[in-house]
Amino acid sequence: MIAAGIIALLLGFLLGIPILWTIGIILVIVGLVLLVLGQTGRAVGGRKHYF
């Protein structure tokens, strides 16, 4: 999810499409939150690890 967010950020910036920029920011933030929750040992969506 983090990789998809970074790709959306880059495409939004290079192509000048603001909605891709916004979606990229949201995907990166959600991906980081899930990563942190997975690293702390909390089950995310029924899984111990989120990769």
PDB file of N, CA and C in Angstrom:
ATOM      1  N   MET A   1       0.831  -1.179   0.000  1.00  0.00           N
ATOM      2  CA  MET A   1       0.000   0.000   0.000  1.00  0.00           C
ATOM      3  C   MET A   1       0.882   1.250   0.000  1.00  0.00           C
ATOM      4  N   ILE A   2       1.985   1.172   0.691  1.00  0.00           N
ATOM      5  CA  ILE A   2       2.897   2.313   0.722  1.00  0.00           C
ATOM      6  C   ILE A   2       3.489   2.548  -0.665  1.00  0.00           C
ATOM      7  N   ALA A   3       3.849   1.467  -1.343  1.00  0.00           N
ATOM      8  CA  ALA A   3       4.420   1.597  -2.688  1.00  0.00           C
ATOM      9  C   ALA A   3       3.400   2.185  -3.653  1.00  0.00           C
ATOM     10  N   ALA A   4       2.150   1.746  -3.560  1.00  0.00           N
ATOM     11  CA  ALA A   4       1.103   2.295  -4.429  1.00  0.00           C
ATOM     12  C   ALA A   4       0.901   3.778  -4.146  1.00  0.00           C
ATOM     13  N   GLY A   5       0.995   4.179  -2.883  1.00  0.00           N
ATOM     14  CA  GLY A   5       0.867   5.581  -2.521  1.00  0.00           C
ATOM     15  C   GLY A   5       1.988   6.426  -3.087  1.00  0.00           C
ATOM     16  N   ILE A   6       3.195   5.891  -3.035  1.00  0.00           N
ATOM     17  CA  ILE A   6       4.344   6.631  -3.567  1.00  0.00           C
ATOM     18  C   ILE A   6       4.229   6.773  -5.082  1.00  0.00           C
ATOM     19  N   ILE A   7       3.778   5.710  -5.748  1.00  0.00           N
ATOM     20  CA  ILE A   7       3.594   5.779  -7.198  1.00  0.00           C
ATOM     21  C   ILE A   7       2.526   6.812  -7.546  1.00  0.00           C
ATOM     22  N   ALA A   8       1.415   6.808  -6.800  1.00  0.00           N
ATOM     23  CA  ALA A   8       0.359   7.784  -7.054  1.00  0.00           C
ATOM     24  C   ALA A   8       0.855   9.205  -6.799  1.00  0.00           C
ATOM     25  N   LEU A   9       1.654   9.388  -5.758  1.00  0.00           N
ATOM     26  CA  LEU A   9       2.225  10.708  -5.484  1.00  0.00           C
ATOM     27  C   LEU A   9       3.097  11.178  -6.647  1.00  0.00           C
ATOM     28  N   LEU A  10       3.967  10.300  -7.112  1.00  0.00           N
ATOM     29  CA  LEU A  10       4.857  10.674  -8.209  1.00  0.00           C
ATOM     30  C   LEU A  10       4.082  10.975  -9.490  1.00  0.00           C
ATOM     31  N   LEU A  11       3.112  10.125  -9.819  1.00  0.00           N
ATOM     32  CA  LEU A  11       2.329  10.375 -11.020  1.00  0.00           C
ATOM     33  C   LEU A  11       1.520  11.662 -10.906  1.00  0.00           C
ATOM     34  N   GLY A  12       0.949  11.901  -9.740  1.00  0.00           N
ATOM     35  CA  GLY A  12       0.183  13.118  -9.539  1.00  0.00           C
ATOM     36  C   GLY A  12       1.046  14.361  -9.665  1.00  0.00           C
ATOM     37  N   PHE A  13       2.262  14.270  -9.164  1.00  0.00           N
ATOM     38  CA  PHE A  13       3.170  15.414  -9.238  1.00  0.00           C
ATOM     39  C   PHE A  13       3.662  15.638 -10.667  1.00  0.00           C
ATOM     40  N   LEU A  14       4.066  14.545 -11.329  1.00  0.00           N
ATOM     41  CA  LEU A  14       4.632  14.681 -12.671  1.00  0.00           C
ATOM     42  C   LEU A  14       3.581  15.037 -13.724  1.00  0.00           C
ATOM     43  N   LEU A  15       2.382  14.493 -13.581  1.00  0.00           N
ATOM     44  CA  LEU A  15       1.337  14.753 -14.570  1.00  0.00           C
ATOM     45  C   LEU A  15       0.463  15.947 -14.204  1.00  0.00           C
ATOM     46  N   GLY A  16       0.628  16.463 -13.005  1.00  0.00           N
ATOM     47  CA  GLY A  16      -0.148  17.626 -12.596  1.00  0.00           C
ATOM     48  C   GLY A  16      -1.602  17.310 -12.306  1.00  0.00           C
ATOM     49  N   ILE A  17      -1.866  16.105 -11.783  1.00  0.00           N
ATOM     50  CA  ILE A  17      -3.235  15.689 -11.471  1.00  0.00           C
ATOM     51  C   ILE A  17      -3.392  15.704  -9.952  1.00  0.00           C
ATOM     52  N   PRO A  18      -4.114  16.690  -9.424  1.00  0.00           N
ATOM     53  CA  PRO A  18      -4.198  16.838  -7.963  1.00  0.00           C
ATOM     54  C   PRO A  18      -4.891  15.674  -7.253  1.00  0.00           C
ATOM     55  N   ILE A  19      -5.838  15.001  -7.906  1.00  0.00           N
ATOM     56  CA  ILE A  19      -6.538  13.907  -7.238  1.00  0.00           C
ATOM     57  C   ILE A  19      -5.588  12.728  -7.003  1.00  0.00           C
ATOM     58  N   LEU A  20      -4.644  12.491  -7.905  1.00  0.00           N
ATOM     59  CA  LEU A  20      -3.655  11.433  -7.684  1.00  0.00           C
ATOM     60  C   LEU A  20      -2.747  11.790  -6.519  1.00  0.00           C
ATOM     61  N   TRP A  21      -2.413  13.047  -6.401  1.00  0.00           N
ATOM     62  CA  TRP A  21      -1.583  13.517  -5.291  1.00  0.00           C
ATOM     63  C   TRP A  21      -2.294  13.243  -3.968  1.00  0.00           C
ATOM     64  N   THR A  22      -3.587  13.563  -3.904  1.00  0.00           N
ATOM     65  CA  THR A  22      -4.374  13.359  -2.689  1.00  0.00           C
ATOM     66  C   THR A  22      -4.517  11.873  -2.369  1.00  0.00           C
ATOM     67  N   ILE A  23      -4.818  11.075  -3.366  1.00  0.00           N
ATOM     68  CA  ILE A  23      -4.947   9.632  -3.150  1.00  0.00           C
ATOM     69  C   ILE A  23      -3.621   9.042  -2.693  1.00  0.00           C
ATOM     70  N   GLY A  24      -2.532   9.507  -3.260  1.00  0.00           N
ATOM     71  CA  GLY A  24      -1.208   9.022  -2.862  1.00  0.00           C
ATOM     72  C   GLY A  24      -0.905   9.332  -1.407  1.00  0.00           C
ATOM     73  N   ILE A  25      -1.238  10.526  -0.957  1.00  0.00           N
ATOM     74  CA  ILE A  25      -1.012  10.892   0.441  1.00  0.00           C
ATOM     75  C   ILE A  25      -1.832   9.997   1.366  1.00  0.00           C
ATOM     76  N   ILE A  26      -3.096   9.771   0.994  1.00  0.00           N
ATOM     77  CA  ILE A  26      -3.964   8.927   1.823  1.00  0.00           C
ATOM     78  C   ILE A  26      -3.425   7.499   1.880  1.00  0.00           C
ATOM     79  N   LEU A  27      -3.001   6.951   0.751  1.00  0.00           N
ATOM     80  CA  LEU A  27      -2.484   5.585   0.729  1.00  0.00           C
ATOM     81  C   LEU A  27      -1.211   5.446   1.560  1.00  0.00           C
ATOM     82  N   VAL A  28      -0.340   6.424   1.480  1.00  0.00           N
ATOM     83  CA  VAL A  28       0.898   6.365   2.263  1.00  0.00           C
ATOM     84  C   VAL A  28       0.586   6.418   3.753  1.00  0.00           C
ATOM     85  N   ILE A  29      -0.319   7.295   4.162  1.00  0.00           N
ATOM     86  CA  ILE A  29      -0.655   7.416   5.584  1.00  0.00           C
ATOM     87  C   ILE A  29      -1.302   6.136   6.100  1.00  0.00           C
ATOM     88  N   VAL A  30      -2.260   5.589   5.347  1.00  0.00           N
ATOM     89  CA  VAL A  30      -2.914   4.342   5.769  1.00  0.00           C
ATOM     90  C   VAL A  30      -1.899   3.206   5.814  1.00  0.00           C
ATOM     91  N   GLY A  31      -1.032   3.128   4.837  1.00  0.00           N
ATOM     92  CA  GLY A  31       0.001   2.090   4.826  1.00  0.00           C
ATOM     93  C   GLY A  31       0.938   2.190   6.014  1.00  0.00           C
ATOM     94  N   LEU A  32       1.329   3.401   6.379  1.00  0.00           N
ATOM     95  CA  LEU A  32       2.208   3.580   7.529  1.00  0.00           C
ATOM     96  C   LEU A  32       1.509   3.227   8.836  1.00  0.00           C
ATOM     97  N   VAL A  33       0.237   3.587   8.959  1.00  0.00           N
ATOM     98  CA  VAL A  33      -0.520   3.237  10.163  1.00  0.00           C
ATOM     99  C   VAL A  33      -0.624   1.726  10.294  1.00  0.00           C
ATOM    100  N   LEU A  34      -0.943   1.035   9.199  1.00  0.00           N
ATOM    101  CA  LEU A  34      -1.032  -0.420   9.251  1.00  0.00           C
ATOM    102  C   LEU A  34       0.318  -1.055   9.547  1.00  0.00           C
ATOM    103  N   LEU A  35       1.375  -0.484   9.007  1.00  0.00           N
ATOM    104  CA  LEU A  35       2.717  -0.995   9.274  1.00  0.00           C
ATOM    105  C   LEU A  35       3.068  -0.859  10.748  1.00  0.00           C
ATOM    106  N   VAL A  36       2.786   0.299  11.325  1.00  0.00           N
ATOM    107  CA  VAL A  36       3.086   0.524  12.737  1.00  0.00           C
ATOM    108  C   VAL A  36       2.259  -0.407  13.627  1.00  0.00           C
ATOM    109  N   LEU A  37       0.974  -0.551  13.316  1.00  0.00           N
ATOM    110  CA  LEU A  37       0.132  -1.448  14.105  1.00  0.00           C
ATOM    111  C   LEU A  37       0.617  -2.889  14.009  1.00  0.00           C
ATOM    112  N   GLY A  38       1.041  -3.298  12.826  1.00  0.00           N
ATOM    113  CA  GLY A  38       1.560  -4.653  12.655  1.00  0.00           C
ATOM    114  C   GLY A  38       2.867  -4.862  13.398  1.00  0.00           C
ATOM    115  N   GLN A  39       3.703  -3.843  13.435  1.00  0.00           N
ATOM    116  CA  GLN A  39       4.987  -3.953  14.117  1.00  0.00           C
ATOM    117  C   GLN A  39       4.843  -4.001  15.632  1.00  0.00           C
ATOM    118  N   THR A  40       3.777  -3.413  16.159  1.00  0.00           N
ATOM    119  CA  THR A  40       3.587  -3.410  17.607  1.00  0.00           C
ATOM    120  C   THR A  40       2.942  -4.694  18.107  1.00  0.00           C
ATOM    121  N   GLY A  41       2.607  -5.603  17.197  1.00  0.00           N
ATOM    122  CA  GLY A  41       2.056  -6.884  17.611  1.00  0.00           C
ATOM    123  C   GLY A  41       0.544  -6.925  17.639  1.00  0.00           C
ATOM    124  N   ARG A  42      -0.106  -5.827  17.292  1.00  0.00           N
ATOM    125  CA  ARG A  42      -1.570  -5.823  17.250  1.00  0.00           C
ATOM    126  C   ARG A  42      -2.027  -6.529  15.983  1.00  0.00           C
ATOM    127  N   ALA A  43      -3.066  -7.306  16.101  1.00  0.00           N
ATOM    128  CA  ALA A  43      -3.617  -7.978  14.929  1.00  0.00           C
ATOM    129  C   ALA A  43      -4.375  -6.963  14.081  1.00  0.00           C
ATOM    130  N   VAL A  44      -4.026  -6.871  12.819  1.00  0.00           N
ATOM    131  CA  VAL A  44      -4.668  -5.937  11.895  1.00  0.00           C
ATOM    132  C   VAL A  44      -5.447  -6.768  10.887  1.00  0.00           C
ATOM    133  N   GLY A  45      -6.754  -6.676  10.915  1.00  0.00           N
ATOM    134  CA  GLY A  45      -7.569  -7.448   9.992  1.00  0.00           C
ATOM    135  C   GLY A  45      -7.440  -8.939  10.212  1.00  0.00           C
ATOM    136  N   GLY A  46      -7.208  -9.349  11.444  1.00  0.00           N
ATOM    137  CA  GLY A  46      -7.077 -10.763  11.745  1.00  0.00           C
ATOM    138  C   GLY A  46      -5.695 -11.330  11.489  1.00  0.00           C
ATOM    139  N   ARG A  47      -4.756 -10.463  11.119  1.00  0.00           N
ATOM    140  CA  ARG A  47      -3.392 -10.925  10.853  1.00  0.00           C
ATOM    141  C   ARG A  47      -2.428 -10.265  11.839  1.00  0.00           C
ATOM    142  N   LYS A  48      -1.460 -11.037  12.291  1.00  0.00           N
ATOM    143  CA  LYS A  48      -0.465 -10.489  13.208  1.00  0.00           C
ATOM    144  C   LYS A  48       0.475  -9.521  12.495  1.00  0.00           C
ATOM    145  N   HIS A  49       0.784  -9.802  11.225  1.00  0.00           N
ATOM    146  CA  HIS A  49       1.730  -8.975  10.478  1.00  0.00           C
ATOM    147  C   HIS A  49       1.050  -8.439   9.246  1.00  0.00           C
ATOM    148  N   TYR A  50       1.351  -7.203   8.910  1.00  0.00           N
ATOM    149  CA  TYR A  50       0.851  -6.595   7.692  1.00  0.00           C
ATOM    150  C   TYR A  50       2.040  -6.316   6.781  1.00  0.00           C
ATOM    151  N   PHE A  51       2.068  -6.959   5.646  1.00  0.00           N
ATOM    152  CA  PHE A  51       3.180  -6.781   4.717  1.00  0.00           C
ATOM    153  C   PHE A  51       2.634  -6.228   3.438  1.00  0.00           C
TER     154      PHE A  51
END
